[in-house]
Amino acid sequence: MATNQHTLKKTYFFEGKGLHTGTYSHMKVMPAPVNTGIVFRRVDLPGCPEVPALAEMVTTTARSTTIECGEAKAVTIEHIMSVLTGMGVDNAFIELDNIEVPILDGSARLYAEAIGQNGLEEQDAPRKYITIPFALEVKDSKSGSWVRIEPAEAPSAQTTVDFNSPVLGIQTAKWDENTDYAQEIAPCRTFCFYREIEPMLKNGLIKGGDLSNALVVTEDGYMGNPELHFTDECGRHKMLDLLGDFRLAGGYLNARITGFKPGHTINTKAAKALRALLK
């Protein structure tokens, strides 16, 4: 378990279109002082307003996680939040010159590879682990989803997905601080079912989506017959998302998180409930 906070050793640059808005953005992921946490900054807006990456800032969870504060808004933050968490980054500034984080290849692989080349900068302050006094559970009776957070000595998570799909089956993924996030979780791409594409387009989503940045599951396989990074890549991607969404609790949780059919809505509801409990 890391005892001190860490930040990035250098600034990293990424660019590309957003999955949902289709807008093109340039993004900088930068070192930040101790106790900063993760903060998004919209450099295209007057005064470069900031949005702290905290659960109470979440405004939309329609197929991605959006945070907002005043004029500043950041869409689809979960992948960059996940990789910073999985790689052990406590403090970072993320500068965007448009509304949405670039989707890149639909995973967190490019972020992990960039950060992994240089390692992290240890900072002169202890890591702030979040502890909870008792177990907390959030359920969605409509979808059957639930997330349970239980006190523990160290952070860990387990997710199980079941879409009633003969292609995916039931997939379970696990993570703790000993997991090689860069190799085991980061390469896993976002996905959807073919039947969902038209409804999402009608709702103004996935304007930037294509087979270069998402897996599309059909009734009998994957559209375009892509080479999967893992047989359970979709299940692992749900873990990737969960780690990013739960970072909105404000730090590293000394808790065991168990998620059944998790998604951005229930993940962020649980993170908000946790923040409220701690207050």
C-alpha atoms as a PDB file:
ATOM      1  CA  MET A   1       0.000   0.000   0.000  1.00  0.00           C
ATOM      2  CA  ALA A   2       1.393   3.390  -0.969  1.00  0.00           C
ATOM      3  CA  THR A   3       2.078   5.556   2.057  1.00  0.00           C
ATOM      4  CA  ASN A   4       2.649   8.876   0.313  1.00  0.00           C
ATOM      5  CA  GLN A   5       0.762  10.839  -2.326  1.00  0.00           C
ATOM      6  CA  HIS A   6       1.985  10.756  -5.927  1.00  0.00           C
ATOM      7  CA  THR A   7       1.641  12.971  -8.959  1.00  0.00           C
ATOM      8  CA  LEU A   8       2.848  12.776 -12.543  1.00  0.00           C
ATOM      9  CA  LYS A   9       6.495  13.366 -13.416  1.00  0.00           C
ATOM     10  CA  LYS A  10       5.618  15.351 -16.548  1.00  0.00           C
ATOM     11  CA  THR A  11       2.757  16.712 -18.626  1.00  0.00           C
ATOM     12  CA  TYR A  12       1.095  14.387 -21.142  1.00  0.00           C
ATOM     13  CA  PHE A  13      -0.753  15.465 -24.274  1.00  0.00           C
ATOM     14  CA  PHE A  14      -3.675  13.653 -25.894  1.00  0.00           C
ATOM     15  CA  GLU A  15      -6.120  14.642 -28.604  1.00  0.00           C
ATOM     16  CA  GLY A  16      -9.060  13.220 -30.488  1.00  0.00           C
ATOM     17  CA  LYS A  17     -12.819  13.166 -30.842  1.00  0.00           C
ATOM     18  CA  GLY A  18     -15.261  12.613 -28.035  1.00  0.00           C
ATOM     19  CA  LEU A  19     -17.334   9.422 -28.063  1.00  0.00           C
ATOM     20  CA  HIS A  20     -20.688  11.104 -27.490  1.00  0.00           C
ATOM     21  CA  THR A  21     -20.403  14.706 -28.701  1.00  0.00           C
ATOM     22  CA  GLY A  22     -18.059  13.944 -31.596  1.00  0.00           C
ATOM     23  CA  THR A  23     -16.224  17.203 -30.811  1.00  0.00           C
ATOM     24  CA  TYR A  24     -12.427  17.269 -31.192  1.00  0.00           C
ATOM     25  CA  SER A  25     -10.412  18.212 -28.138  1.00  0.00           C
ATOM     26  CA  HIS A  26      -6.833  18.563 -26.966  1.00  0.00           C
ATOM     27  CA  MET A  27      -6.121  17.422 -23.430  1.00  0.00           C
ATOM     28  CA  LYS A  28      -3.192  17.941 -21.065  1.00  0.00           C
ATOM     29  CA  VAL A  29      -2.752  15.733 -18.007  1.00  0.00           C
ATOM     30  CA  MET A  30      -0.444  17.596 -15.644  1.00  0.00           C
ATOM     31  CA  PRO A  31       1.287  17.285 -12.256  1.00  0.00           C
ATOM     32  CA  ALA A  32      -0.466  18.939  -9.317  1.00  0.00           C
ATOM     33  CA  PRO A  33       0.508  19.803  -5.715  1.00  0.00           C
ATOM     34  CA  VAL A  34      -0.307  17.632  -2.709  1.00  0.00           C
ATOM     35  CA  ASN A  35      -3.960  17.455  -1.643  1.00  0.00           C
ATOM     36  CA  THR A  36      -5.182  18.756  -5.035  1.00  0.00           C
ATOM     37  CA  GLY A  37      -6.961  15.566  -6.003  1.00  0.00           C
ATOM     38  CA  ILE A  38      -8.046  15.464  -9.648  1.00  0.00           C
ATOM     39  CA  VAL A  39      -9.273  18.730 -11.136  1.00  0.00           C
ATOM     40  CA  PHE A  40     -10.524  19.401 -14.672  1.00  0.00           C
ATOM     41  CA  ARG A  41      -9.875  22.817 -16.211  1.00  0.00           C
ATOM     42  CA  ARG A  42     -11.638  24.174 -19.321  1.00  0.00           C
ATOM     43  CA  VAL A  43      -8.993  26.332 -20.982  1.00  0.00           C
ATOM     44  CA  ASP A  44     -11.345  27.254 -23.864  1.00  0.00           C
ATOM     45  CA  LEU A  45     -13.652  29.176 -21.519  1.00  0.00           C
ATOM     46  CA  PRO A  46     -13.057  32.661 -20.044  1.00  0.00           C
ATOM     47  CA  GLY A  47     -11.051  32.443 -16.846  1.00  0.00           C
ATOM     48  CA  CYS A  48     -10.277  28.745 -17.409  1.00  0.00           C
ATOM     49  CA  PRO A  49     -12.902  27.543 -14.891  1.00  0.00           C
ATOM     50  CA  GLU A  50     -12.272  24.346 -12.966  1.00  0.00           C
ATOM     51  CA  VAL A  51     -14.366  21.359 -11.978  1.00  0.00           C
ATOM     52  CA  PRO A  52     -13.113  19.211  -9.097  1.00  0.00           C
ATOM     53  CA  ALA A  53     -13.649  15.531  -9.855  1.00  0.00           C
ATOM     54  CA  LEU A  54     -16.091  14.833  -7.036  1.00  0.00           C
ATOM     55  CA  ALA A  55     -19.375  12.942  -7.001  1.00  0.00           C
ATOM     56  CA  GLU A  56     -21.500  15.986  -6.163  1.00  0.00           C
ATOM     57  CA  MET A  57     -20.402  17.545  -9.468  1.00  0.00           C
ATOM     58  CA  VAL A  58     -21.957  14.711 -11.528  1.00  0.00           C
ATOM     59  CA  THR A  59     -24.834  15.960 -13.705  1.00  0.00           C
ATOM     60  CA  THR A  60     -25.303  13.265 -16.358  1.00  0.00           C
ATOM     61  CA  THR A  61     -24.661   9.522 -16.500  1.00  0.00           C
ATOM     62  CA  ALA A  62     -26.148   8.660 -19.898  1.00  0.00           C
ATOM     63  CA  ARG A  63     -23.617   6.066 -21.117  1.00  0.00           C
ATOM     64  CA  SER A  64     -20.735   8.071 -19.618  1.00  0.00           C
ATOM     65  CA  THR A  65     -20.000  10.270 -16.611  1.00  0.00           C
ATOM     66  CA  THR A  66     -20.247  14.061 -16.870  1.00  0.00           C
ATOM     67  CA  ILE A  67     -19.208  16.556 -14.185  1.00  0.00           C
ATOM     68  CA  GLU A  68     -20.118  20.224 -14.169  1.00  0.00           C
ATOM     69  CA  CYS A  69     -19.469  23.344 -12.084  1.00  0.00           C
ATOM     70  CA  GLY A  70     -20.830  26.692 -13.266  1.00  0.00           C
ATOM     71  CA  GLU A  71     -19.796  27.212 -16.884  1.00  0.00           C
ATOM     72  CA  ALA A  72     -17.307  24.359 -16.846  1.00  0.00           C
ATOM     73  CA  LYS A  73     -18.354  20.894 -17.962  1.00  0.00           C
ATOM     74  CA  ALA A  74     -16.350  17.750 -18.698  1.00  0.00           C
ATOM     75  CA  VAL A  75     -17.957  14.785 -20.473  1.00  0.00           C
ATOM     76  CA  THR A  76     -16.828  11.123 -20.438  1.00  0.00           C
ATOM     77  CA  ILE A  77     -14.275  11.511 -17.660  1.00  0.00           C
ATOM     78  CA  GLU A  78     -14.336   7.909 -16.447  1.00  0.00           C
ATOM     79  CA  HIS A  79     -11.418   6.482 -18.461  1.00  0.00           C
ATOM     80  CA  ILE A  80      -8.851   9.124 -17.501  1.00  0.00           C
ATOM     81  CA  MET A  81     -10.131   8.999 -13.903  1.00  0.00           C
ATOM     82  CA  SER A  82      -9.741   5.229 -13.928  1.00  0.00           C
ATOM     83  CA  VAL A  83      -6.181   5.192 -15.210  1.00  0.00           C
ATOM     84  CA  LEU A  84      -5.047   7.825 -12.715  1.00  0.00           C
ATOM     85  CA  THR A  85      -6.557   5.698  -9.958  1.00  0.00           C
ATOM     86  CA  GLY A  86      -5.226   2.400 -11.262  1.00  0.00           C
ATOM     87  CA  MET A  87      -1.729   3.808 -11.781  1.00  0.00           C
ATOM     88  CA  GLY A  88      -1.627   5.365  -8.305  1.00  0.00           C
ATOM     89  CA  VAL A  89      -1.924   9.092  -9.081  1.00  0.00           C
ATOM     90  CA  ASP A  90      -3.327  11.163  -6.205  1.00  0.00           C
ATOM     91  CA  ASN A  91      -3.022  14.646  -7.703  1.00  0.00           C
ATOM     92  CA  ALA A  92      -3.418  15.887 -11.288  1.00  0.00           C
ATOM     93  CA  PHE A  93      -4.768  18.763 -13.344  1.00  0.00           C
ATOM     94  CA  ILE A  94      -6.569  17.849 -16.584  1.00  0.00           C
ATOM     95  CA  GLU A  95      -6.862  20.680 -19.105  1.00  0.00           C
ATOM     96  CA  LEU A  96      -9.440  20.439 -21.899  1.00  0.00           C
ATOM     97  CA  ASP A  97     -10.040  22.842 -24.786  1.00  0.00           C
ATOM     98  CA  ASN A  98     -13.491  21.397 -25.515  1.00  0.00           C
ATOM     99  CA  ILE A  99     -16.368  19.728 -23.728  1.00  0.00           C
ATOM    100  CA  GLU A 100     -15.427  16.034 -23.929  1.00  0.00           C
ATOM    101  CA  VAL A 101     -12.398  13.938 -23.058  1.00  0.00           C
ATOM    102  CA  PRO A 102     -10.987  12.215 -26.195  1.00  0.00           C
ATOM    103  CA  ILE A 103     -12.160   8.607 -26.449  1.00  0.00           C
ATOM    104  CA  LEU A 104      -8.928   7.488 -28.211  1.00  0.00           C
ATOM    105  CA  ASP A 105      -9.249   3.710 -28.788  1.00  0.00           C
ATOM    106  CA  GLY A 106     -12.109   3.326 -26.284  1.00  0.00           C
ATOM    107  CA  SER A 107      -9.862   2.099 -23.474  1.00  0.00           C
ATOM    108  CA  ALA A 108      -7.328   3.593 -21.052  1.00  0.00           C
ATOM    109  CA  ARG A 109      -4.365   1.889 -22.739  1.00  0.00           C
ATOM    110  CA  LEU A 110      -2.743   4.972 -24.300  1.00  0.00           C
ATOM    111  CA  TYR A 111      -2.937   6.850 -21.002  1.00  0.00           C
ATOM    112  CA  ALA A 112      -1.404   3.944 -19.101  1.00  0.00           C
ATOM    113  CA  GLU A 113       1.411   3.474 -21.631  1.00  0.00           C
ATOM    114  CA  ALA A 114       2.325   7.167 -21.522  1.00  0.00           C
ATOM    115  CA  ILE A 115       2.332   7.424 -17.728  1.00  0.00           C
ATOM    116  CA  GLY A 116       4.076   4.073 -17.335  1.00  0.00           C
ATOM    117  CA  GLN A 117       7.098   5.196 -19.356  1.00  0.00           C
ATOM    118  CA  ASN A 118       8.067   7.789 -16.742  1.00  0.00           C
ATOM    119  CA  GLY A 119       6.660   6.499 -13.474  1.00  0.00           C
ATOM    120  CA  LEU A 120       5.292   8.814 -10.797  1.00  0.00           C
ATOM    121  CA  GLU A 121       6.638  11.582  -8.579  1.00  0.00           C
ATOM    122  CA  GLU A 122       6.379  10.811  -4.872  1.00  0.00           C
ATOM    123  CA  GLN A 123       5.146  13.762  -2.832  1.00  0.00           C
ATOM    124  CA  ASP A 124       5.874  14.794   0.743  1.00  0.00           C
ATOM    125  CA  ALA A 125       2.467  14.044   2.226  1.00  0.00           C
ATOM    126  CA  PRO A 126       0.689  10.837   3.233  1.00  0.00           C
ATOM    127  CA  ARG A 127      -1.974   9.432   0.926  1.00  0.00           C
ATOM    128  CA  LYS A 128      -5.469  10.151   2.176  1.00  0.00           C
ATOM    129  CA  TYR A 129      -7.338   6.878   2.329  1.00  0.00           C
ATOM    130  CA  ILE A 130     -11.092   7.111   2.789  1.00  0.00           C
ATOM    131  CA  THR A 131     -12.502   4.812   5.449  1.00  0.00           C
ATOM    132  CA  ILE A 132     -16.181   4.107   6.023  1.00  0.00           C
ATOM    133  CA  PRO A 133     -17.814   3.237   9.358  1.00  0.00           C
ATOM    134  CA  PHE A 134     -20.243   0.627   8.010  1.00  0.00           C
ATOM    135  CA  ALA A 135     -21.358  -1.081   4.824  1.00  0.00           C
ATOM    136  CA  LEU A 136     -23.336   0.873   2.255  1.00  0.00           C
ATOM    137  CA  GLU A 137     -25.451  -0.604  -0.543  1.00  0.00           C
ATOM    138  CA  VAL A 138     -27.183   1.066  -3.477  1.00  0.00           C
ATOM    139  CA  LYS A 139     -29.714  -0.846  -5.585  1.00  0.00           C
ATOM    140  CA  ASP A 140     -31.647  -0.242  -8.798  1.00  0.00           C
ATOM    141  CA  SER A 141     -34.756  -2.412  -8.732  1.00  0.00           C
ATOM    142  CA  LYS A 142     -35.521  -1.678 -12.390  1.00  0.00           C
ATOM    143  CA  SER A 143     -32.219  -2.919 -13.800  1.00  0.00           C
ATOM    144  CA  GLY A 144     -31.330  -5.347 -11.022  1.00  0.00           C
ATOM    145  CA  SER A 145     -28.003  -3.562 -10.548  1.00  0.00           C
ATOM    146  CA  TRP A 146     -26.456  -3.108  -7.140  1.00  0.00           C
ATOM    147  CA  VAL A 147     -23.218  -1.873  -5.608  1.00  0.00           C
ATOM    148  CA  ARG A 148     -22.052  -2.698  -2.095  1.00  0.00           C
ATOM    149  CA  ILE A 149     -19.229  -0.871  -0.289  1.00  0.00           C
ATOM    150  CA  GLU A 150     -17.810  -2.554   2.816  1.00  0.00           C
ATOM    151  CA  PRO A 151     -15.076  -1.452   5.239  1.00  0.00           C
ATOM    152  CA  ALA A 152     -11.724  -3.105   4.524  1.00  0.00           C
ATOM    153  CA  GLU A 153      -8.027  -2.765   5.281  1.00  0.00           C
ATOM    154  CA  ALA A 154      -7.159  -1.931   1.663  1.00  0.00           C
ATOM    155  CA  PRO A 155      -8.953  -1.007  -1.589  1.00  0.00           C
ATOM    156  CA  SER A 156     -10.377  -3.800  -3.735  1.00  0.00           C
ATOM    157  CA  ALA A 157     -13.234  -4.291  -6.170  1.00  0.00           C
ATOM    158  CA  GLN A 158     -15.134  -7.045  -7.911  1.00  0.00           C
ATOM    159  CA  THR A 159     -17.641  -6.603 -10.733  1.00  0.00           C
ATOM    160  CA  THR A 160     -20.001  -9.094 -12.354  1.00  0.00           C
ATOM    161  CA  VAL A 161     -21.833  -8.366 -15.586  1.00  0.00           C
ATOM    162  CA  ASP A 162     -24.738 -10.344 -16.999  1.00  0.00           C
ATOM    163  CA  PHE A 163     -26.462  -8.945 -20.096  1.00  0.00           C
ATOM    164  CA  ASN A 164     -28.312 -12.169 -20.886  1.00  0.00           C
ATOM    165  CA  SER A 165     -26.059 -12.378 -23.955  1.00  0.00           C
ATOM    166  CA  PRO A 166     -24.856 -15.728 -25.323  1.00  0.00           C
ATOM    167  CA  VAL A 167     -21.808 -13.909 -26.697  1.00  0.00           C
ATOM    168  CA  LEU A 168     -20.708 -12.311 -23.410  1.00  0.00           C
ATOM    169  CA  GLY A 169     -22.115 -14.780 -20.890  1.00  0.00           C
ATOM    170  CA  ILE A 170     -21.454 -13.813 -17.253  1.00  0.00           C
ATOM    171  CA  GLN A 171     -18.111 -12.055 -16.760  1.00  0.00           C
ATOM    172  CA  THR A 172     -16.431 -11.251 -13.442  1.00  0.00           C
ATOM    173  CA  ALA A 173     -13.426  -8.971 -12.946  1.00  0.00           C
ATOM    174  CA  LYS A 174     -11.332  -8.274  -9.843  1.00  0.00           C
ATOM    175  CA  TRP A 175      -8.935  -5.494  -8.863  1.00  0.00           C
ATOM    176  CA  ASP A 176      -6.818  -4.550  -5.874  1.00  0.00           C
ATOM    177  CA  GLU A 177      -3.663  -2.518  -5.341  1.00  0.00           C
ATOM    178  CA  ASN A 178      -1.513  -5.465  -6.457  1.00  0.00           C
ATOM    179  CA  THR A 179      -3.273  -5.750  -9.830  1.00  0.00           C
ATOM    180  CA  ASP A 180      -1.191  -4.727 -12.850  1.00  0.00           C
ATOM    181  CA  TYR A 181      -3.733  -2.140 -14.001  1.00  0.00           C
ATOM    182  CA  ALA A 182      -1.768  -1.139 -17.115  1.00  0.00           C
ATOM    183  CA  GLN A 183      -1.728  -4.716 -18.415  1.00  0.00           C
ATOM    184  CA  GLU A 184      -4.931  -6.231 -17.008  1.00  0.00           C
ATOM    185  CA  ILE A 185      -7.521  -3.418 -17.052  1.00  0.00           C
ATOM    186  CA  ALA A 186      -6.341  -0.433 -19.116  1.00  0.00           C
ATOM    187  CA  PRO A 187      -6.464  -2.142 -22.581  1.00  0.00           C
ATOM    188  CA  CYS A 188     -10.147  -3.088 -22.231  1.00  0.00           C
ATOM    189  CA  ARG A 189     -12.382  -1.149 -24.621  1.00  0.00           C
ATOM    190  CA  THR A 190     -15.834   0.289 -24.187  1.00  0.00           C
ATOM    191  CA  PHE A 191     -18.661  -1.673 -25.774  1.00  0.00           C
ATOM    192  CA  CYS A 192     -22.325  -1.634 -26.675  1.00  0.00           C
ATOM    193  CA  PHE A 193     -24.852  -3.946 -28.257  1.00  0.00           C
ATOM    194  CA  TYR A 194     -25.814  -3.479 -31.896  1.00  0.00           C
ATOM    195  CA  ARG A 195     -29.461  -3.077 -30.902  1.00  0.00           C
ATOM    196  CA  GLU A 196     -28.538  -0.063 -28.748  1.00  0.00           C
ATOM    197  CA  ILE A 197     -26.936   1.992 -31.522  1.00  0.00           C
ATOM    198  CA  GLU A 198     -30.089   3.497 -33.055  1.00  0.00           C
ATOM    199  CA  PRO A 199     -31.656   4.491 -29.694  1.00  0.00           C
ATOM    200  CA  MET A 200     -28.378   6.081 -28.556  1.00  0.00           C
ATOM    201  CA  LEU A 201     -28.079   8.072 -31.791  1.00  0.00           C
ATOM    202  CA  LYS A 202     -31.676   9.264 -31.356  1.00  0.00           C
ATOM    203  CA  ASN A 203     -30.752  10.464 -27.866  1.00  0.00           C
ATOM    204  CA  GLY A 204     -27.828  12.487 -29.214  1.00  0.00           C
ATOM    205  CA  LEU A 205     -25.156  10.063 -28.032  1.00  0.00           C
ATOM    206  CA  ILE A 206     -22.207   8.232 -29.686  1.00  0.00           C
ATOM    207  CA  LYS A 207     -21.742  10.901 -32.384  1.00  0.00           C
ATOM    208  CA  GLY A 208     -18.038  10.057 -32.333  1.00  0.00           C
ATOM    209  CA  GLY A 209     -18.416   6.301 -31.963  1.00  0.00           C
ATOM    210  CA  ASP A 210     -17.122   3.802 -34.513  1.00  0.00           C
ATOM    211  CA  LEU A 211     -15.400   0.423 -34.622  1.00  0.00           C
ATOM    212  CA  SER A 212     -12.017   2.043 -33.929  1.00  0.00           C
ATOM    213  CA  ASN A 213     -13.090   3.095 -30.437  1.00  0.00           C
ATOM    214  CA  ALA A 214     -15.743   0.586 -29.342  1.00  0.00           C
ATOM    215  CA  LEU A 215     -16.632  -3.075 -29.439  1.00  0.00           C
ATOM    216  CA  VAL A 216     -20.102  -3.743 -30.859  1.00  0.00           C
ATOM    217  CA  VAL A 217     -21.722  -6.949 -29.664  1.00  0.00           C
ATOM    218  CA  THR A 218     -24.179  -8.662 -32.027  1.00  0.00           C
ATOM    219  CA  GLU A 219     -26.387 -11.704 -31.519  1.00  0.00           C
ATOM    220  CA  ASP A 220     -23.608 -14.082 -32.517  1.00  0.00           C
ATOM    221  CA  GLY A 221     -20.290 -12.264 -32.090  1.00  0.00           C
ATOM    222  CA  TYR A 222     -18.622  -8.870 -32.491  1.00  0.00           C
ATOM    223  CA  MET A 223     -19.157  -6.531 -35.434  1.00  0.00           C
ATOM    224  CA  GLY A 224     -16.061  -6.369 -37.629  1.00  0.00           C
ATOM    225  CA  ASN A 225     -14.635  -9.473 -35.934  1.00  0.00           C
ATOM    226  CA  PRO A 226     -12.076  -7.571 -33.825  1.00  0.00           C
ATOM    227  CA  GLU A 227      -9.280  -9.328 -31.982  1.00  0.00           C
ATOM    228  CA  LEU A 228     -10.242  -9.227 -28.313  1.00  0.00           C
ATOM    229  CA  HIS A 229      -7.564  -8.202 -25.824  1.00  0.00           C
ATOM    230  CA  PHE A 230      -9.097 -10.666 -23.323  1.00  0.00           C
ATOM    231  CA  THR A 231     -11.928 -13.172 -23.617  1.00  0.00           C
ATOM    232  CA  ASP A 232     -13.670 -11.193 -20.850  1.00  0.00           C
ATOM    233  CA  GLU A 233     -12.697  -7.753 -22.185  1.00  0.00           C
ATOM    234  CA  CYS A 234     -16.205  -6.319 -21.724  1.00  0.00           C
ATOM    235  CA  GLY A 235     -16.345  -7.447 -18.107  1.00  0.00           C
ATOM    236  CA  ARG A 236     -12.936  -5.925 -17.448  1.00  0.00           C
ATOM    237  CA  HIS A 237     -14.059  -2.669 -19.054  1.00  0.00           C
ATOM    238  CA  LYS A 238     -16.858  -2.467 -16.499  1.00  0.00           C
ATOM    239  CA  MET A 239     -14.156  -2.651 -13.831  1.00  0.00           C
ATOM    240  CA  LEU A 240     -12.260   0.123 -15.632  1.00  0.00           C
ATOM    241  CA  ASP A 241     -15.394   2.297 -15.511  1.00  0.00           C
ATOM    242  CA  LEU A 242     -16.142   1.471 -11.881  1.00  0.00           C
ATOM    243  CA  LEU A 243     -12.651   2.479 -10.745  1.00  0.00           C
ATOM    244  CA  GLY A 244     -13.010   5.796 -12.575  1.00  0.00           C
ATOM    245  CA  ASP A 245     -16.474   6.528 -11.219  1.00  0.00           C
ATOM    246  CA  PHE A 246     -15.596   5.618  -7.641  1.00  0.00           C
ATOM    247  CA  ARG A 247     -12.601   7.946  -7.685  1.00  0.00           C
ATOM    248  CA  LEU A 248     -15.286  10.642  -7.503  1.00  0.00           C
ATOM    249  CA  ALA A 249     -15.554   9.705  -3.824  1.00  0.00           C
ATOM    250  CA  GLY A 250     -12.532  11.991  -3.483  1.00  0.00           C
ATOM    251  CA  GLY A 251      -9.637   9.609  -3.052  1.00  0.00           C
ATOM    252  CA  TYR A 252      -8.645   5.993  -2.477  1.00  0.00           C
ATOM    253  CA  LEU A 253     -11.243   3.933  -0.615  1.00  0.00           C
ATOM    254  CA  ASN A 254     -10.127   1.559   2.112  1.00  0.00           C
ATOM    255  CA  ALA A 255     -13.139  -0.516   1.189  1.00  0.00           C
ATOM    256  CA  ARG A 256     -14.227  -3.580  -0.709  1.00  0.00           C
ATOM    257  CA  ILE A 257     -16.521  -2.636  -3.584  1.00  0.00           C
ATOM    258  CA  THR A 258     -18.748  -5.303  -5.099  1.00  0.00           C
ATOM    259  CA  GLY A 259     -20.803  -4.434  -8.165  1.00  0.00           C
ATOM    260  CA  PHE A 260     -23.429  -6.521  -9.948  1.00  0.00           C
ATOM    261  CA  LYS A 261     -24.351  -5.173 -13.395  1.00  0.00           C
ATOM    262  CA  PRO A 262     -22.634  -1.867 -12.545  1.00  0.00           C
ATOM    263  CA  GLY A 263     -22.965   1.239 -14.696  1.00  0.00           C
ATOM    264  CA  HIS A 264     -22.244   4.949 -14.471  1.00  0.00           C
ATOM    265  CA  THR A 265     -25.596   5.796 -12.868  1.00  0.00           C
ATOM    266  CA  ILE A 266     -25.392   3.365  -9.976  1.00  0.00           C
ATOM    267  CA  ASN A 267     -21.621   3.841  -9.580  1.00  0.00           C
ATOM    268  CA  THR A 268     -21.950   7.600  -9.176  1.00  0.00           C
ATOM    269  CA  LYS A 269     -25.046   7.290  -6.958  1.00  0.00           C
ATOM    270  CA  ALA A 270     -22.996   5.094  -4.646  1.00  0.00           C
ATOM    271  CA  ALA A 271     -20.088   7.563  -4.723  1.00  0.00           C
ATOM    272  CA  LYS A 272     -22.499  10.409  -3.877  1.00  0.00           C
ATOM    273  CA  ALA A 273     -24.011   8.384  -1.019  1.00  0.00           C
ATOM    274  CA  LEU A 274     -20.519   7.713   0.275  1.00  0.00           C
ATOM    275  CA  ARG A 275     -19.605  11.402   0.141  1.00  0.00           C
ATOM    276  CA  ALA A 276     -22.818  12.266   2.013  1.00  0.00           C
ATOM    277  CA  LEU A 277     -22.078   9.642   4.643  1.00  0.00           C
ATOM    278  CA  LEU A 278     -18.580  10.983   5.226  1.00  0.00           C
ATOM    279  CA  LYS A 279     -19.899  14.539   5.673  1.00  0.00           C
END
